[in-house]
Amino acid sequence: MLPILAIFVLCASTINCISHDLPDYFPRCSIDDPNLNKCLLKAFTTVRPYVKKGVKEIGILPFEPLVLSTFSLSQETNLANFTVTASNFSVRGIDNYNVKETNYNPNTLVFSTKMEFDPLSFSTIYKMFGRILHIAIDGKGEAEAALGPINATIVIKGELIDTEGTEYYNTANIKVILSIKDGNFTLGGLFGGDETLGRAANEALNQFSPEVIEAVTPAIEQLAEEMIMKFMKSFTGSVPYYKIFPK
């Protein structure tokens, strides 16, 4: 459970039921420690330099930069209606997080946290069709963006399952709520390379950036939830619960 809260981490997407232990340098927080949440809060700072470079033993990819191969997102709301596919998606700055609050209840198996991120920079190869606010988006090519500062609230709910006599934490639900304060965007290849239309669309996206960010936040939250779920399935599916939280 300890390193999960860097909001855009991605690991293997399937459960690995081969039992592993946490690396020796990872902090342990005892499940019956009356100061469990203080221990967790300290642990997130302790593991930052390790997760920045990646932790091969438990399948954590390097955080700086964090690179995602391919994903697709779609959103249909009054503010935004679009479909986007991204490849070679790179995020920089995600390792520079500040955990403000943690709370884990061993009885309900519910974990929550509040985090802050400095502005994150993104680059990708994209293909997108639709609209954001009144701005039409139709194109494919290279894209860059910067978002932040970001405040994130994450709630994870799960249950313990028994696998051949060993208990593992099985994540049932993840909810991410984001507050993104600012952003800027550069989309190449819009409207078949039409420079006039492409420049107008980029200018509109940046002129109305607070409204644009608010409009697309549900899609970003969805992506964060999917990535954290994949990580949880991999991490807690391979490390027994009482090795994460020893008694």
Protein backbone atom coordinates (compact mmCIF):
# COMPACT_ATOMS: atom_id res chain seq x y z
CA MET A 1 0.00 0.00 0.00
CA LEU A 2 2.89 2.32 0.76
CA PRO A 3 3.91 3.78 -2.64
CA ILE A 4 0.56 3.86 -4.42
CA LEU A 5 -0.28 7.51 -4.10
CA ALA A 6 1.85 8.95 -6.87
CA ILE A 7 -1.38 9.66 -8.87
CA PHE A 8 -0.31 8.62 -12.47
CA VAL A 9 1.73 5.29 -11.66
CA LEU A 10 1.23 2.31 -14.01
CA CYS A 11 2.36 -1.29 -13.56
CA ALA A 12 1.43 -4.69 -14.96
CA SER A 13 -2.30 -5.04 -15.53
CA THR A 14 -2.76 -8.61 -14.30
CA ILE A 15 -2.63 -10.07 -10.80
CA ASN A 16 0.59 -11.93 -10.08
CA CYS A 17 -0.18 -14.45 -7.38
CA ILE A 18 3.46 -15.42 -6.86
CA SER A 19 4.23 -14.34 -3.32
CA HIS A 20 6.86 -11.58 -2.98
CA ASP A 21 8.10 -9.44 -0.15
CA LEU A 22 8.71 -5.71 -0.07
CA PRO A 23 12.33 -4.66 -0.66
CA ASP A 24 14.37 -4.28 2.52
CA TYR A 25 14.64 -0.52 2.08
CA PHE A 26 10.87 -0.03 2.08
CA PRO A 27 9.42 1.17 5.40
CA ARG A 28 7.00 -1.10 7.24
CA CYS A 29 3.97 0.11 9.19
CA SER A 30 2.49 -2.36 11.64
CA ILE A 31 -1.20 -3.06 11.26
CA ASP A 32 -1.78 -2.76 15.02
CA ASP A 33 0.32 0.39 15.50
CA PRO A 34 -1.86 3.04 17.22
CA ASN A 35 0.06 5.62 15.15
CA LEU A 36 -0.41 3.75 11.88
CA ASN A 37 -1.41 6.81 9.86
CA LYS A 38 1.56 8.85 11.10
CA CYS A 39 3.79 5.97 10.05
CA LEU A 40 2.19 5.89 6.60
CA LEU A 41 2.58 9.63 6.18
CA LYS A 42 6.29 9.36 6.94
CA ALA A 43 6.64 6.32 4.69
CA PHE A 44 5.49 8.18 1.57
CA THR A 45 8.36 10.62 1.97
CA THR A 46 10.83 7.82 2.64
CA VAL A 47 9.99 5.89 -0.53
CA ARG A 48 10.05 8.90 -2.89
CA PRO A 49 13.68 8.52 -4.07
CA TYR A 50 13.14 4.80 -4.67
CA VAL A 51 9.90 5.03 -6.66
CA LYS A 52 11.42 7.85 -8.71
CA LYS A 53 13.82 5.33 -10.22
CA GLY A 54 11.36 2.42 -10.17
CA VAL A 55 11.18 -0.69 -7.99
CA LYS A 56 11.67 -3.79 -10.12
CA GLU A 57 11.04 -6.19 -7.24
CA ILE A 58 7.35 -5.26 -7.12
CA GLY A 59 6.86 -3.98 -10.66
CA ILE A 60 6.86 -0.21 -10.11
CA LEU A 61 7.90 1.66 -13.24
CA PRO A 62 10.18 4.72 -12.90
CA PHE A 63 8.27 7.86 -11.96
CA GLU A 64 10.63 10.31 -13.67
CA PRO A 65 9.56 10.30 -16.32
CA LEU A 66 6.49 8.06 -16.12
CA VAL A 67 5.85 6.63 -19.58
CA LEU A 68 2.59 4.95 -20.61
CA SER A 69 2.53 3.03 -23.87
CA THR A 70 -1.03 3.47 -25.16
CA PHE A 71 -4.44 4.34 -23.74
CA SER A 72 -7.80 5.66 -24.92
CA LEU A 73 -10.27 7.96 -23.19
CA SER A 74 -13.69 9.26 -24.04
CA GLN A 75 -16.02 11.71 -22.36
CA GLU A 76 -19.60 12.72 -23.06
CA THR A 77 -20.82 15.66 -20.98
CA ASN A 78 -22.38 19.04 -21.66
CA LEU A 79 -18.96 20.67 -21.34
CA ALA A 80 -16.93 18.20 -23.39
CA ASN A 81 -17.60 15.40 -25.85
CA PHE A 82 -14.50 13.73 -27.29
CA THR A 83 -12.48 10.56 -27.86
CA VAL A 84 -8.71 10.56 -27.64
CA THR A 85 -6.03 7.89 -28.13
CA ALA A 86 -2.52 8.54 -26.83
CA SER A 87 0.74 6.67 -27.30
CA ASN A 88 4.23 7.24 -25.87
CA PHE A 89 2.55 9.29 -23.17
CA SER A 90 5.20 10.83 -20.89
CA VAL A 91 4.65 12.65 -17.59
CA ARG A 92 7.38 14.60 -15.80
CA GLY A 93 7.28 15.85 -12.22
CA ILE A 94 4.99 13.21 -10.76
CA ASP A 95 7.64 12.16 -8.24
CA ASN A 96 7.53 15.64 -6.69
CA TYR A 97 4.47 14.99 -4.54
CA ASN A 98 3.52 16.17 -1.08
CA VAL A 99 1.24 13.95 0.98
CA LYS A 100 -0.90 16.15 3.22
CA GLU A 101 -2.98 13.48 4.91
CA THR A 102 -3.36 9.69 5.06
CA ASN A 103 -5.99 7.54 6.70
CA TYR A 104 -6.18 3.74 6.63
CA ASN A 105 -8.81 1.83 8.62
CA PRO A 106 -7.74 -1.83 9.00
CA ASN A 107 -11.28 -2.76 10.06
CA THR A 108 -13.03 -1.40 6.96
CA LEU A 109 -9.98 -1.80 4.66
CA VAL A 110 -10.59 1.73 3.33
CA PHE A 111 -7.60 3.93 2.55
CA SER A 112 -7.74 7.65 1.74
CA THR A 113 -5.20 10.37 1.17
CA LYS A 114 -4.85 14.00 0.16
CA MET A 115 -1.87 14.98 -1.99
CA GLU A 116 -0.39 17.99 -3.73
CA PHE A 117 1.62 18.05 -6.97
CA ASP A 118 3.61 20.86 -8.52
CA PRO A 119 2.78 21.49 -12.20
CA LEU A 120 3.20 18.35 -14.33
CA SER A 121 4.36 18.38 -17.94
CA PHE A 122 2.99 15.95 -20.55
CA SER A 123 4.00 14.95 -24.05
CA THR A 124 2.39 12.36 -26.33
CA ILE A 125 1.42 11.27 -29.80
CA TYR A 126 -2.33 11.72 -29.98
CA LYS A 127 -5.40 11.23 -32.12
CA MET A 128 -8.51 13.13 -31.06
CA PHE A 129 -11.95 13.99 -32.35
CA GLY A 130 -14.69 16.01 -30.64
CA ARG A 131 -15.11 19.28 -28.81
CA ILE A 132 -14.17 20.90 -25.51
CA LEU A 133 -16.55 23.71 -24.57
CA HIS A 134 -17.18 25.46 -27.90
CA ILE A 135 -13.76 24.46 -29.30
CA ALA A 136 -13.67 21.80 -32.03
CA ILE A 137 -10.72 19.39 -31.84
CA ASP A 138 -9.95 17.16 -34.81
CA GLY A 139 -6.42 16.00 -35.47
CA LYS A 140 -3.48 13.75 -34.84
CA GLY A 141 0.16 14.41 -34.17
CA GLU A 142 2.38 15.55 -31.31
CA ALA A 143 0.92 17.27 -28.26
CA GLU A 144 2.37 18.92 -25.17
CA ALA A 145 0.65 20.23 -22.05
CA ALA A 146 1.35 21.43 -18.54
CA LEU A 147 -1.17 21.11 -15.72
CA GLY A 148 -1.04 22.24 -12.14
CA PRO A 149 -0.58 22.77 -9.35
CA ILE A 150 -2.84 19.78 -8.62
CA ASN A 151 -4.66 18.76 -5.45
CA ALA A 152 -5.77 15.13 -5.36
CA THR A 153 -8.02 13.15 -3.05
CA ILE A 154 -7.87 9.37 -3.45
CA VAL A 155 -10.12 6.79 -1.77
CA ILE A 156 -9.43 3.05 -2.13
CA LYS A 157 -11.82 0.35 -0.93
CA GLY A 158 -11.01 -3.34 -0.83
CA GLU A 159 -11.31 -6.72 0.82
CA LEU A 160 -9.02 -9.51 1.94
CA ILE A 161 -8.99 -12.67 -0.15
CA ASP A 162 -7.37 -16.01 0.69
CA THR A 163 -5.09 -17.54 -1.93
CA GLU A 164 -3.68 -20.92 -0.94
CA GLY A 165 -3.67 -19.97 2.73
CA THR A 166 -2.20 -16.49 2.25
CA GLU A 167 -4.27 -13.30 2.48
CA TYR A 168 -3.99 -10.56 -0.14
CA TYR A 169 -5.65 -7.15 -0.42
CA ASN A 170 -8.09 -7.10 -3.35
CA THR A 171 -9.00 -3.60 -4.52
CA ALA A 172 -12.71 -3.27 -5.23
CA ASN A 173 -13.14 0.44 -5.94
CA ILE A 174 -11.04 3.58 -6.44
CA LYS A 175 -12.27 7.17 -6.48
CA VAL A 176 -10.04 10.08 -7.51
CA ILE A 177 -11.05 13.73 -7.15
CA LEU A 178 -8.75 16.33 -8.73
CA SER A 179 -8.51 20.09 -8.45
CA ILE A 180 -6.27 21.46 -11.23
CA LYS A 181 -5.47 25.15 -10.95
CA ASP A 182 -4.02 26.02 -14.36
CA GLY A 183 -2.74 24.63 -17.63
CA ASN A 184 -1.51 25.27 -21.14
CA PHE A 185 -1.75 23.20 -24.32
CA THR A 186 -0.06 22.80 -27.69
CA LEU A 187 -1.69 20.38 -30.15
CA GLY A 188 0.00 19.73 -33.46
CA GLY A 189 -1.59 18.29 -36.58
CA LEU A 190 -5.04 19.78 -36.07
CA PHE A 191 -7.51 19.80 -38.96
CA GLY A 192 -5.22 17.97 -41.35
CA GLY A 193 -2.35 20.39 -40.74
CA ASP A 194 -4.33 23.56 -41.50
CA GLU A 195 -2.15 26.16 -39.76
CA THR A 196 -4.86 28.81 -39.47
CA LEU A 197 -7.47 26.52 -37.91
CA GLY A 198 -4.86 24.80 -35.75
CA ARG A 199 -3.50 28.07 -34.39
CA ALA A 200 -7.02 29.33 -33.66
CA ALA A 201 -7.90 26.14 -31.75
CA ASN A 202 -4.72 26.27 -29.65
CA GLU A 203 -5.24 29.95 -28.87
CA ALA A 204 -8.79 29.23 -27.73
CA LEU A 205 -7.70 26.29 -25.56
CA ASN A 206 -5.17 28.48 -23.76
CA GLN A 207 -7.35 31.58 -23.58
CA PHE A 208 -10.05 29.57 -21.78
CA SER A 209 -7.68 27.19 -20.00
CA PRO A 210 -9.44 27.24 -16.58
CA GLU A 211 -12.74 26.36 -18.23
CA VAL A 212 -11.06 23.77 -20.48
CA ILE A 213 -9.42 22.09 -17.50
CA GLU A 214 -12.69 21.99 -15.60
CA ALA A 215 -14.40 20.46 -18.64
CA VAL A 216 -11.88 17.63 -19.12
CA THR A 217 -11.17 16.87 -15.42
CA PRO A 218 -13.64 13.91 -15.37
CA ALA A 219 -11.62 12.19 -18.11
CA ILE A 220 -8.34 12.82 -16.25
CA GLU A 221 -9.86 11.42 -13.04
CA GLN A 222 -11.01 8.34 -14.95
CA LEU A 223 -7.49 7.78 -16.30
CA ALA A 224 -6.00 8.15 -12.81
CA GLU A 225 -8.48 5.63 -11.37
CA GLU A 226 -7.71 3.08 -14.07
CA MET A 227 -3.95 3.40 -13.62
CA ILE A 228 -4.07 3.14 -9.83
CA MET A 229 -6.36 0.09 -10.12
CA LYS A 230 -3.83 -1.63 -12.41
CA PHE A 231 -1.07 -0.87 -9.96
CA MET A 232 -3.06 -2.13 -6.97
CA LYS A 233 -3.96 -5.37 -8.74
CA SER A 234 -0.30 -5.97 -9.49
CA PHE A 235 1.21 -4.82 -6.19
CA THR A 236 -1.24 -6.15 -3.61
CA GLY A 237 -1.84 -9.26 -5.72
CA SER A 238 1.81 -10.27 -5.41
CA VAL A 239 2.75 -9.03 -1.92
CA PRO A 240 0.83 -10.70 0.94
CA TYR A 241 -1.22 -8.31 3.06
CA TYR A 242 0.68 -9.02 6.29
CA LYS A 243 4.00 -8.38 4.59
CA ILE A 244 2.72 -4.93 3.64
CA PHE A 245 1.23 -4.41 7.10
CA PRO A 246 3.02 -6.81 9.50
CA LYS A 247 1.46 -7.45 12.87
